[in-house]
C-alpha atoms as a PDB file:
ATOM      1  CA  LYS A   1     250.873  60.713  91.371  1.00  0.00           C
ATOM      2  CA  GLN A   2     251.766  64.156  90.086  1.00  0.00           C
ATOM      3  CA  MET A   3     255.156  64.618  88.429  1.00  0.00           C
ATOM      4  CA  VAL A   4     256.909  67.281  90.506  1.00  0.00           C
ATOM      5  CA  GLU A   5     260.229  68.941  89.735  1.00  0.00           C
ATOM      6  CA  VAL A   6     261.582  69.701  93.205  1.00  0.00           C
ATOM      7  CA  LYS A   7     263.990  72.614  93.517  1.00  0.00           C
ATOM      8  CA  VAL A   8     265.623  74.688  96.231  1.00  0.00           C
ATOM      9  CA  VAL A   9     263.305  77.706  96.343  1.00  0.00           C
ATOM     10  CA  ASP A  10     263.503  81.104  98.047  1.00  0.00           C
ATOM     11  CA  LEU A  11     259.964  81.364  99.450  1.00  0.00           C
ATOM     12  CA  ASP A  12     260.231  85.151  99.947  1.00  0.00           C
ATOM     13  CA  ASP A  13     261.192  85.570  96.300  1.00  0.00           C
ATOM     14  CA  LEU A  14     258.432  83.305  95.010  1.00  0.00           C
ATOM     15  CA  ALA A  15     255.664  84.795  97.165  1.00  0.00           C
ATOM     16  CA  SER A  16     256.701  88.368  96.348  1.00  0.00           C
ATOM     17  CA  LYS A  17     256.546  87.672  92.626  1.00  0.00           C
ATOM     18  CA  MET A  18     253.014  86.311  92.947  1.00  0.00           C
ATOM     19  CA  GLU A  19     251.712  89.424  94.698  1.00  0.00           C
ATOM     20  CA  GLN A  20     250.302  91.168  91.608  1.00  0.00           C
ATOM     21  CA  MET A  21     248.482  88.034  90.463  1.00  0.00           C
ATOM     22  CA  LEU A  22     247.049  87.419  93.941  1.00  0.00           C
ATOM     23  CA  ARG A  23     245.772  91.009  94.112  1.00  0.00           C
ATOM     24  CA  ARG A  24     243.857  90.419  90.888  1.00  0.00           C
ATOM     25  CA  LEU A  25     242.407  87.139  92.127  1.00  0.00           C
ATOM     26  CA  ILE A  26     241.062  88.437  95.439  1.00  0.00           C
ATOM     27  CA  GLY A  27     239.511  91.591  93.995  1.00  0.00           C
ATOM     28  CA  SER A  28     239.611  95.252  94.902  1.00  0.00           C
ATOM     29  CA  ASP A  29     237.423  94.899  98.017  1.00  0.00           C
ATOM     30  CA  VAL A  30     240.049  92.777  99.789  1.00  0.00           C
ATOM     31  CA  GLU A  31     243.230  94.485 100.987  1.00  0.00           C
ATOM     32  CA  LEU A  32     246.392  92.400 100.558  1.00  0.00           C
ATOM     33  CA  ILE A  33     249.223  92.891 103.068  1.00  0.00           C
ATOM     34  CA  THR A  34     252.511  91.028 102.605  1.00  0.00           C
ATOM     35  CA  ARG A  35     255.517  90.769 104.897  1.00  0.00           C
ATOM     36  CA  MET A  36     258.373  88.613 103.630  1.00  0.00           C
ATOM     37  CA  ASP A  37     260.736  88.102 106.581  1.00  0.00           C
ATOM     38  CA  ALA A  38     262.343  84.716 105.932  1.00  0.00           C
ATOM     39  CA  GLY A  39     265.586  86.443 104.993  1.00  0.00           C
ATOM     40  CA  GLY A  40     266.231  84.365 101.893  1.00  0.00           C
ATOM     41  CA  ALA A  41     265.979  81.014 103.688  1.00  0.00           C
ATOM     42  CA  ALA A  42     265.180  78.298 101.165  1.00  0.00           C
ATOM     43  CA  ILE A  43     262.919  75.244 101.065  1.00  0.00           C
ATOM     44  CA  ARG A  44     262.814  72.200  98.796  1.00  0.00           C
ATOM     45  CA  ALA A  45     259.589  72.244  96.805  1.00  0.00           C
ATOM     46  CA  GLY A  46     257.979  72.277  93.396  1.00  0.00           C
ATOM     47  CA  ILE A  47     257.553  75.902  92.323  1.00  0.00           C
ATOM     48  CA  GLY A  48     254.195  75.226  90.699  1.00  0.00           C
ATOM     49  CA  GLN A  49     252.966  73.455  93.801  1.00  0.00           C
ATOM     50  CA  ILE A  50     253.862  76.344  96.118  1.00  0.00           C
ATOM     51  CA  GLU A  51     252.085  78.692  93.732  1.00  0.00           C
ATOM     52  CA  GLN A  52     249.037  76.416  93.890  1.00  0.00           C
ATOM     53  CA  VAL A  53     249.071  76.478  97.703  1.00  0.00           C
ATOM     54  CA  LEU A  54     249.167  80.289  97.734  1.00  0.00           C
ATOM     55  CA  VAL A  55     246.399  80.577  95.131  1.00  0.00           C
ATOM     56  CA  ASN A  56     244.152  78.054  96.909  1.00  0.00           C
ATOM     57  CA  LEU A  57     244.568  79.746 100.301  1.00  0.00           C
ATOM     58  CA  ALA A  58     244.026  83.210  98.799  1.00  0.00           C
ATOM     59  CA  LEU A  59     240.837  82.128  97.013  1.00  0.00           C
ATOM     60  CA  ASN A  60     239.539  80.459 100.193  1.00  0.00           C
ATOM     61  CA  ALA A  61     240.216  83.669 102.102  1.00  0.00           C
ATOM     62  CA  ARG A  62     238.417  85.743  99.482  1.00  0.00           C
ATOM     63  CA  ASP A  63     235.371  83.455  99.657  1.00  0.00           C
ATOM     64  CA  ALA A  64     235.323  83.917 103.460  1.00  0.00           C
ATOM     65  CA  MET A  65     235.172  87.713 103.017  1.00  0.00           C
ATOM     66  CA  PRO A  66     232.260  88.357 100.605  1.00  0.00           C
ATOM     67  CA  GLY A  67     231.900  91.883 101.961  1.00  0.00           C
ATOM     68  CA  GLY A  68     235.616  92.644 101.771  1.00  0.00           C
ATOM     69  CA  GLY A  69     238.366  92.469 104.346  1.00  0.00           C
ATOM     70  CA  THR A  70     242.105  91.980 104.719  1.00  0.00           C
ATOM     71  CA  LEU A  71     244.321  89.125 103.559  1.00  0.00           C
ATOM     72  CA  THR A  72     247.765  89.005 105.171  1.00  0.00           C
ATOM     73  CA  ILE A  73     250.579  86.800 103.872  1.00  0.00           C
ATOM     74  CA  LYS A  74     253.778  86.521 105.914  1.00  0.00           C
ATOM     75  CA  THR A  75     256.952  84.469 105.890  1.00  0.00           C
ATOM     76  CA  ALA A  76     259.486  84.040 108.693  1.00  0.00           C
ATOM     77  CA  CYS A  77     262.275  81.761 109.878  1.00  0.00           C
ATOM     78  CA  VAL A  78     261.415  79.865 113.062  1.00  0.00           C
ATOM     79  CA  ARG A  79     263.168  77.265 115.154  1.00  0.00           C
ATOM     80  CA  GLU A  80     261.344  74.388 116.769  1.00  0.00           C
ATOM     81  CA  GLU A  81     263.250  73.512 119.945  1.00  0.00           C
ATOM     82  CA  GLU A  82     263.490  70.039 121.443  1.00  0.00           C
ATOM     83  CA  GLY A  83     261.683  70.119 124.773  1.00  0.00           C
ATOM     84  CA  GLY A  84     260.683  73.777 124.679  1.00  0.00           C
ATOM     85  CA  GLY A  85     260.043  76.890 122.665  1.00  0.00           C
ATOM     86  CA  PRO A  86     257.154  77.132 120.177  1.00  0.00           C
ATOM     87  CA  ARG A  87     257.386  73.487 119.144  1.00  0.00           C
ATOM     88  CA  ARG A  88     254.173  72.063 117.639  1.00  0.00           C
ATOM     89  CA  GLU A  89     252.964  68.517 118.178  1.00  0.00           C
ATOM     90  CA  GLY A  90     254.430  66.171 115.581  1.00  0.00           C
ATOM     91  CA  VAL A  91     256.982  68.707 114.295  1.00  0.00           C
ATOM     92  CA  PRO A  92     260.619  67.591 114.728  1.00  0.00           C
ATOM     93  CA  ALA A  93     263.066  70.056 116.239  1.00  0.00           C
ATOM     94  CA  GLY A  94     264.937  72.104 113.664  1.00  0.00           C
ATOM     95  CA  GLU A  95     264.969  75.199 111.451  1.00  0.00           C
ATOM     96  CA  TYR A  96     261.855  75.972 109.410  1.00  0.00           C
ATOM     97  CA  VAL A  97     260.458  78.553 107.036  1.00  0.00           C
ATOM     98  CA  MET A  98     256.922  79.495 108.065  1.00  0.00           C
ATOM     99  CA  LEU A  99     254.256  80.743 105.678  1.00  0.00           C
ATOM    100  CA  SER A 100     251.134  82.212 107.269  1.00  0.00           C
ATOM    101  CA  VAL A 101     247.985  83.249 105.387  1.00  0.00           C
ATOM    102  CA  SER A 102     245.395  85.133 107.472  1.00  0.00           C
ATOM    103  CA  ASP A 103     242.009  86.619 106.666  1.00  0.00           C
ATOM    104  CA  THR A 104     239.479  88.720 108.533  1.00  0.00           C
ATOM    105  CA  GLY A 105     236.564  86.642 107.299  1.00  0.00           C
ATOM    106  CA  SER A 106     233.757  84.638 108.839  1.00  0.00           C
ATOM    107  CA  GLY A 107     235.998  82.046 110.498  1.00  0.00           C
ATOM    108  CA  MET A 108     235.242  78.377 111.141  1.00  0.00           C
ATOM    109  CA  SER A 109     233.697  76.312 113.896  1.00  0.00           C
ATOM    110  CA  GLU A 110     235.699  73.666 115.722  1.00  0.00           C
ATOM    111  CA  ASP A 111     233.802  70.929 113.871  1.00  0.00           C
ATOM    112  CA  THR A 112     234.618  72.455 110.482  1.00  0.00           C
ATOM    113  CA  ARG A 113     238.297  72.844 111.396  1.00  0.00           C
ATOM    114  CA  ALA A 114     238.451  69.130 112.206  1.00  0.00           C
ATOM    115  CA  HIS A 115     237.465  68.210 108.630  1.00  0.00           C
ATOM    116  CA  ILE A 116     238.852  70.921 106.332  1.00  0.00           C
ATOM    117  CA  PHE A 117     241.775  68.883 105.000  1.00  0.00           C
ATOM    118  CA  GLU A 118     239.598  65.881 104.117  1.00  0.00           C
ATOM    119  CA  PRO A 119     239.075  65.340 100.371  1.00  0.00           C
ATOM    120  CA  PHE A 120     235.639  66.472  99.129  1.00  0.00           C
ATOM    121  CA  PHE A 121     234.717  68.160 102.423  1.00  0.00           C
ATOM    122  CA  THR A 122     233.248  71.584 101.662  1.00  0.00           C
ATOM    123  CA  THR A 123     231.045  74.129 103.380  1.00  0.00           C
ATOM    124  CA  LYS A 124     230.152  75.821 100.085  1.00  0.00           C
ATOM    125  CA  GLU A 125     226.838  75.404  98.329  1.00  0.00           C
ATOM    126  CA  LEU A 126     226.407  72.824  95.582  1.00  0.00           C
ATOM    127  CA  GLY A 127     228.373  73.756  92.458  1.00  0.00           C
ATOM    128  CA  LYS A 128     230.575  76.309  94.271  1.00  0.00           C
ATOM    129  CA  GLY A 129     233.362  73.985  95.371  1.00  0.00           C
ATOM    130  CA  THR A 130     234.576  70.406  95.251  1.00  0.00           C
ATOM    131  CA  GLY A 131     236.283  70.247  98.638  1.00  0.00           C
ATOM    132  CA  LEU A 132     239.654  69.526  97.013  1.00  0.00           C
ATOM    133  CA  GLY A 133     241.435  72.887  97.446  1.00  0.00           C
ATOM    134  CA  LEU A 134     242.590  72.455 101.043  1.00  0.00           C
ATOM    135  CA  ALA A 135     243.091  68.709 100.618  1.00  0.00           C
ATOM    136  CA  THR A 136     245.431  69.556  97.735  1.00  0.00           C
ATOM    137  CA  CYS A 137     247.308  72.063  99.911  1.00  0.00           C
ATOM    138  CA  TYR A 138     247.635  69.444 102.651  1.00  0.00           C
ATOM    139  CA  GLY A 139     249.005  66.874 100.192  1.00  0.00           C
ATOM    140  CA  ILE A 140     251.516  69.315  98.724  1.00  0.00           C
ATOM    141  CA  VAL A 141     252.781  70.363 102.151  1.00  0.00           C
ATOM    142  CA  LYS A 142     253.120  66.773 103.394  1.00  0.00           C
ATOM    143  CA  GLN A 143     254.843  65.707 100.178  1.00  0.00           C
ATOM    144  CA  GLY A 144     257.483  68.355 100.929  1.00  0.00           C
ATOM    145  CA  ASN A 145     257.954  67.094 104.534  1.00  0.00           C
ATOM    146  CA  GLY A 146     256.113  70.143 105.810  1.00  0.00           C
ATOM    147  CA  HIS A 147     253.393  70.696 108.393  1.00  0.00           C
ATOM    148  CA  ILE A 148     250.153  72.668 108.128  1.00  0.00           C
ATOM    149  CA  TRP A 149     247.518  73.674 110.674  1.00  0.00           C
ATOM    150  CA  VAL A 150     244.757  76.234 111.032  1.00  0.00           C
ATOM    151  CA  ASP A 151     243.596  78.619 113.760  1.00  0.00           C
ATOM    152  CA  SER A 152     240.066  79.944 113.406  1.00  0.00           C
ATOM    153  CA  ALA A 153     236.873  80.751 115.258  1.00  0.00           C
ATOM    154  CA  PRO A 154     233.448  81.969 114.095  1.00  0.00           C
ATOM    155  CA  GLY A 155     233.614  85.705 113.457  1.00  0.00           C
ATOM    156  CA  ALA A 156     237.343  85.869 114.216  1.00  0.00           C
ATOM    157  CA  GLY A 157     238.890  85.102 110.839  1.00  0.00           C
ATOM    158  CA  THR A 158     241.235  82.272 109.857  1.00  0.00           C
ATOM    159  CA  THR A 159     245.004  81.779 109.817  1.00  0.00           C
ATOM    160  CA  PHE A 160     246.746  78.928 108.017  1.00  0.00           C
ATOM    161  CA  ARG A 161     250.351  78.281 109.056  1.00  0.00           C
ATOM    162  CA  ILE A 162     252.745  76.071 107.125  1.00  0.00           C
ATOM    163  CA  LEU A 163     256.235  74.967 108.177  1.00  0.00           C
ATOM    164  CA  TRP A 164     258.783  73.733 105.649  1.00  0.00           C
ATOM    165  CA  PRO A 165     262.242  72.517 106.701  1.00  0.00           C
ATOM    166  CA  VAL A 166     265.025  74.917 105.738  1.00  0.00           C
ATOM    167  CA  ALA A 167     266.943  73.496 102.764  1.00  0.00           C
ATOM    168  CA  SER A 168     270.670  73.671 102.244  1.00  0.00           C
ATOM    169  CA  GLY A 169     272.096  74.945  98.981  1.00  0.00           C
ATOM    170  CA  GLU A 170     271.597  78.043  96.884  1.00  0.00           C
ATOM    171  CA  ALA A 171     267.996  78.833  96.002  1.00  0.00           C
ATOM    172  CA  GLU A 172     267.045  78.889  92.350  1.00  0.00           C
ATOM    173  CA  ARG A 173     265.583  82.201  91.277  1.00  0.00           C
ATOM    174  CA  THR A 174     262.039  82.002  89.983  1.00  0.00           C
ATOM    175  CA  GLY A 175     262.491  84.504  87.196  1.00  0.00           C
ATOM    176  CA  PRO A 176     261.336  88.108  86.962  1.00  0.00           C
ATOM    177  CA  ALA A 177     257.975  89.040  88.390  1.00  0.00           C
ATOM    178  CA  PRO A 178     255.233  89.410  85.776  1.00  0.00           C
ATOM    179  CA  PRO A 179     254.320  93.045  85.203  1.00  0.00           C
ATOM    180  CA  ALA A 180     251.088  94.385  86.634  1.00  0.00           C
ATOM    181  CA  ASP A 181     249.244  93.982  83.329  1.00  0.00           C
ATOM    182  CA  LEU A 182     250.165  90.249  83.147  1.00  0.00           C
ATOM    183  CA  ASP A 183     252.225  90.654  79.972  1.00  0.00           C
ATOM    184  CA  MET A 184     251.552  87.194  78.541  1.00  0.00           C
ATOM    185  CA  PRO A 185     250.195  85.961  75.192  1.00  0.00           C
ATOM    186  CA  ARG A 186     246.830  87.580  74.500  1.00  0.00           C
ATOM    187  CA  GLY A 187     243.862  86.913  72.239  1.00  0.00           C
ATOM    188  CA  ARG A 188     240.237  87.721  71.484  1.00  0.00           C
ATOM    189  CA  GLU A 189     238.922  84.224  70.835  1.00  0.00           C
ATOM    190  CA  THR A 190     236.130  82.456  72.731  1.00  0.00           C
ATOM    191  CA  ILE A 191     237.172  79.557  74.971  1.00  0.00           C
ATOM    192  CA  LEU A 192     234.871  76.875  76.384  1.00  0.00           C
ATOM    193  CA  LEU A 193     236.273  75.956  79.823  1.00  0.00           C
ATOM    194  CA  ALA A 194     235.135  72.720  81.525  1.00  0.00           C
ATOM    195  CA  GLU A 195     236.615  72.217  85.012  1.00  0.00           C
ATOM    196  CA  ASP A 196     234.814  70.781  88.039  1.00  0.00           C
ATOM    197  CA  GLU A 197     237.235  72.147  90.649  1.00  0.00           C
ATOM    198  CA  ALA A 198     235.985  75.649  91.395  1.00  0.00           C
ATOM    199  CA  GLN A 199     239.351  77.143  92.379  1.00  0.00           C
ATOM    200  CA  VAL A 200     241.134  75.898  89.258  1.00  0.00           C
ATOM    201  CA  ARG A 201     238.232  77.072  87.068  1.00  0.00           C
ATOM    202  CA  ASP A 202     238.227  80.457  88.785  1.00  0.00           C
ATOM    203  CA  LEU A 203     241.965  80.925  88.310  1.00  0.00           C
ATOM    204  CA  ALA A 204     241.910  79.842  84.649  1.00  0.00           C
ATOM    205  CA  SER A 205     238.939  82.010  83.700  1.00  0.00           C
ATOM    206  CA  HIS A 206     240.364  85.035  85.524  1.00  0.00           C
ATOM    207  CA  VAL A 207     243.745  84.754  83.789  1.00  0.00           C
ATOM    208  CA  LEU A 208     242.227  84.205  80.344  1.00  0.00           C
ATOM    209  CA  ARG A 209     239.763  87.082  80.646  1.00  0.00           C
ATOM    210  CA  ALA A 210     242.627  89.334  81.763  1.00  0.00           C
ATOM    211  CA  GLN A 211     244.371  88.388  78.511  1.00  0.00           C
ATOM    212  CA  GLY A 212     241.403  89.441  76.386  1.00  0.00           C
ATOM    213  CA  TYR A 213     239.631  86.129  75.790  1.00  0.00           C
ATOM    214  CA  ARG A 214     235.911  85.479  76.167  1.00  0.00           C
ATOM    215  CA  VAL A 215     235.423  82.507  78.509  1.00  0.00           C
ATOM    216  CA  ILE A 216     232.337  80.294  78.747  1.00  0.00           C
ATOM    217  CA  GLU A 217     232.502  78.255  81.976  1.00  0.00           C
ATOM    218  CA  ALA A 218     231.067  74.875  82.909  1.00  0.00           C
ATOM    219  CA  ASP A 219     231.595  72.874  86.091  1.00  0.00           C
ATOM    220  CA  GLN A 220     230.940  69.493  84.453  1.00  0.00           C
ATOM    221  CA  GLY A 221     230.986  67.868  81.018  1.00  0.00           C
ATOM    222  CA  GLU A 222     227.241  67.656  80.381  1.00  0.00           C
ATOM    223  CA  LEU A 223     226.820  71.396  80.915  1.00  0.00           C
ATOM    224  CA  ALA A 224     229.857  72.091  78.727  1.00  0.00           C
ATOM    225  CA  LEU A 225     228.263  70.090  75.906  1.00  0.00           C
ATOM    226  CA  GLN A 226     225.051  72.104  76.230  1.00  0.00           C
ATOM    227  CA  LEU A 227     227.026  75.348  76.147  1.00  0.00           C
ATOM    228  CA  ALA A 228     228.915  74.144  73.071  1.00  0.00           C
ATOM    229  CA  GLN A 229     225.595  73.671  71.296  1.00  0.00           C
ATOM    230  CA  GLN A 230     224.349  77.086  72.421  1.00  0.00           C
ATOM    231  CA  ASN A 231     227.607  78.909  71.559  1.00  0.00           C
ATOM    232  CA  PRO A 232     228.824  77.385  68.288  1.00  0.00           C
ATOM    233  CA  ASP A 233     231.384  80.168  67.714  1.00  0.00           C
ATOM    234  CA  PHE A 234     233.880  79.040  70.393  1.00  0.00           C
ATOM    235  CA  GLN A 235     237.397  78.361  69.132  1.00  0.00           C
ATOM    236  CA  LEU A 236     238.989  76.202  71.855  1.00  0.00           C
ATOM    237  CA  LEU A 237     237.852  73.562  74.326  1.00  0.00           C
ATOM    238  CA  LEU A 238     239.870  73.728  77.568  1.00  0.00           C
ATOM    239  CA  THR A 239     238.841  70.764  79.695  1.00  0.00           C
ATOM    240  CA  ASP A 240     239.891  68.809  82.737  1.00  0.00           C
ATOM    241  CA  MET A 241     240.292  65.114  81.968  1.00  0.00           C
ATOM    242  CA  VAL A 242     238.712  63.833  85.198  1.00  0.00           C
ATOM    243  CA  MET A 243     235.195  65.100  85.870  1.00  0.00           C
ATOM    244  CA  PRO A 244     232.084  63.442  87.308  1.00  0.00           C
ATOM    245  CA  ARG A 245     229.543  61.848  84.934  1.00  0.00           C
ATOM    246  CA  MET A 246     231.391  62.812  81.736  1.00  0.00           C
ATOM    247  CA  SER A 247     235.180  62.734  81.393  1.00  0.00           C
ATOM    248  CA  GLY A 248     237.113  65.335  79.472  1.00  0.00           C
ATOM    249  CA  ALA A 249     237.971  62.750  76.802  1.00  0.00           C
ATOM    250  CA  GLU A 250     234.297  61.915  76.244  1.00  0.00           C
ATOM    251  CA  LEU A 251     233.402  65.608  76.196  1.00  0.00           C
ATOM    252  CA  ALA A 252     236.090  66.287  73.589  1.00  0.00           C
ATOM    253  CA  SER A 253     234.837  63.446  71.383  1.00  0.00           C
ATOM    254  CA  ARG A 254     231.273  64.744  71.481  1.00  0.00           C
ATOM    255  CA  VAL A 255     232.282  68.371  70.970  1.00  0.00           C
ATOM    256  CA  ARG A 256     234.283  67.397  67.907  1.00  0.00           C
ATOM    257  CA  LEU A 257     231.135  65.907  66.370  1.00  0.00           C
ATOM    258  CA  LEU A 258     229.819  69.479  66.442  1.00  0.00           C
ATOM    259  CA  ARG A 259     233.078  71.305  65.686  1.00  0.00           C
ATOM    260  CA  PRO A 260     235.728  68.893  64.328  1.00  0.00           C
ATOM    261  CA  GLU A 261     238.184  71.722  63.622  1.00  0.00           C
ATOM    262  CA  VAL A 262     238.253  73.054  67.205  1.00  0.00           C
ATOM    263  CA  PRO A 263     241.477  72.251  69.101  1.00  0.00           C
ATOM    264  CA  VAL A 264     241.303  70.705  72.564  1.00  0.00           C
ATOM    265  CA  LEU A 265     243.629  71.566  75.441  1.00  0.00           C
ATOM    266  CA  TYR A 266     243.424  68.970  78.232  1.00  0.00           C
ATOM    267  CA  ILE A 267     244.170  69.702  81.891  1.00  0.00           C
ATOM    268  CA  SER A 268     245.132  66.994  84.380  1.00  0.00           C
ATOM    269  CA  GLY A 269     247.144  66.431  87.501  1.00  0.00           C
ATOM    270  CA  TYR A 270     248.084  62.980  86.215  1.00  0.00           C
ATOM    271  CA  SER A 271     250.461  63.067  83.268  1.00  0.00           C
ATOM    272  CA  GLU A 272     249.941  59.380  82.436  1.00  0.00           C
ATOM    273  CA  MET A 273     246.338  60.178  81.489  1.00  0.00           C
ATOM    274  CA  ALA A 274     247.591  62.028  78.416  1.00  0.00           C
ATOM    275  CA  ALA A 275     247.871  58.656  76.663  1.00  0.00           C
ATOM    276  CA  ASP A 276     244.119  58.080  77.087  1.00  0.00           C
ATOM    277  CA  ARG A 277     243.027  61.065  75.042  1.00  0.00           C
ATOM    278  CA  PRO A 278     240.678  60.329  72.147  1.00  0.00           C
ATOM    279  CA  ASP A 279     242.894  62.049  69.546  1.00  0.00           C
ATOM    280  CA  GLY A 280     245.888  59.845  70.391  1.00  0.00           C
ATOM    281  CA  GLU A 281     248.368  62.614  69.635  1.00  0.00           C
ATOM    282  CA  GLY A 282     250.636  62.000  72.638  1.00  0.00           C
ATOM    283  CA  LEU A 283     251.993  64.570  75.043  1.00  0.00           C
ATOM    284  CA  GLY A 284     252.316  67.984  73.409  1.00  0.00           C
ATOM    285  CA  VAL A 285     250.891  71.472  73.195  1.00  0.00           C
ATOM    286  CA  ASP A 286     247.383  70.084  73.812  1.00  0.00           C
ATOM    287  CA  PHE A 287     248.099  68.878  77.388  1.00  0.00           C
ATOM    288  CA  LEU A 288     248.571  71.095  80.463  1.00  0.00           C
ATOM    289  CA  GLN A 289     249.832  69.554  83.696  1.00  0.00           C
ATOM    290  CA  LYS A 290     248.390  70.675  87.042  1.00  0.00           C
ATOM    291  CA  PRO A 291     249.465  72.654  88.919  1.00  0.00           C
ATOM    292  CA  PHE A 292     250.130  75.315  86.277  1.00  0.00           C
ATOM    293  CA  THR A 293     251.153  78.946  86.424  1.00  0.00           C
ATOM    294  CA  PRO A 294     249.177  81.743  84.730  1.00  0.00           C
ATOM    295  CA  ALA A 295     252.010  82.235  82.237  1.00  0.00           C
ATOM    296  CA  THR A 296     252.034  78.538  81.284  1.00  0.00           C
ATOM    297  CA  LEU A 297     248.257  78.536  80.850  1.00  0.00           C
ATOM    298  CA  ALA A 298     248.340  81.631  78.637  1.00  0.00           C
ATOM    299  CA  ARG A 299     251.148  80.202  76.510  1.00  0.00           C
ATOM    300  CA  LYS A 300     249.512  76.787  76.053  1.00  0.00           C
ATOM    301  CA  VAL A 301     246.171  78.353  75.142  1.00  0.00           C
ATOM    302  CA  ARG A 302     247.828  80.611  72.576  1.00  0.00           C
ATOM    303  CA  GLU A 303     249.749  77.665  71.071  1.00  0.00           C
ATOM    304  CA  ALA A 304     246.584  75.602  70.772  1.00  0.00           C
ATOM    305  CA  LEU A 305     244.619  78.454  69.169  1.00  0.00           C
ATOM    306  CA  ASP A 306     247.410  79.184  66.697  1.00  0.00           C
ATOM    307  CA  ARG A 307     246.898  75.666  65.306  1.00  0.00           C
ATOM    308  CA  LEU A 308     243.474  76.698  63.964  1.00  0.00           C
ATOM    309  CA  PRO A 309     243.368  76.850  60.170  1.00  0.00           C
ATOM    310  CA  ALA A 310     243.585  80.391  58.826  1.00  0.00           C
END
């Protein structure tokens, strides 16, 4: 149901330009190795969706290496031959761009591997994950006529491999890489972040803290309301619209009873839900579509905060 702007994308270019951000996300105790060898071959995909796949896989790898390790991201052109060669089951013969993401972490059992792409399946403790990260990756890959599988064993690390058909046409450039200091709009305000999906919450809080903001995190609406009462000096509510027990719209309505002047920035993967917001303002600077890039998040947050009365 997500609105996706599909483009012809140079995967090497896109992945290379995300390298600095990925290094920040995985932390200094994880070494990142990249090898972009697709030679400029292009795929048809939504840029934001490919970024989300890379972020989700990188965060999963980091979680599998709590004591540190190595994350390796590679691209390559491969050919699946009819009746021979490295052809995988269910993959038509043809030219593909392969993305592989490997870690040296704890690995997975055969039973876990059989379920990892199922929605809401998670091996993490309660409150640490929703089980939607890999299901989202699977959906994005399949939506782009791609194929994804995993190789892993306990104690032997994990490798995700994705094949996308090579696209014809000239790839659209993804713009200049962000500088190492993430030169995006900055601020010093306090932001109350309510997001039940751990990977999205982790990405958003990391980006915002890197830009100078103070972030108060909650993984569901009821906790966010408690934190709003305990921290009355926050200046923005950043909330997912779909959360268990209390929706983002209900949370916003109750927060505004406490702080009617505080702007609300809604996050959702479903653009049609923007019409259901309690303020009835319509699609604008107070709605952020998933998947989003760090730059888009920083810009939307700054726009929403700048609407505060002086």
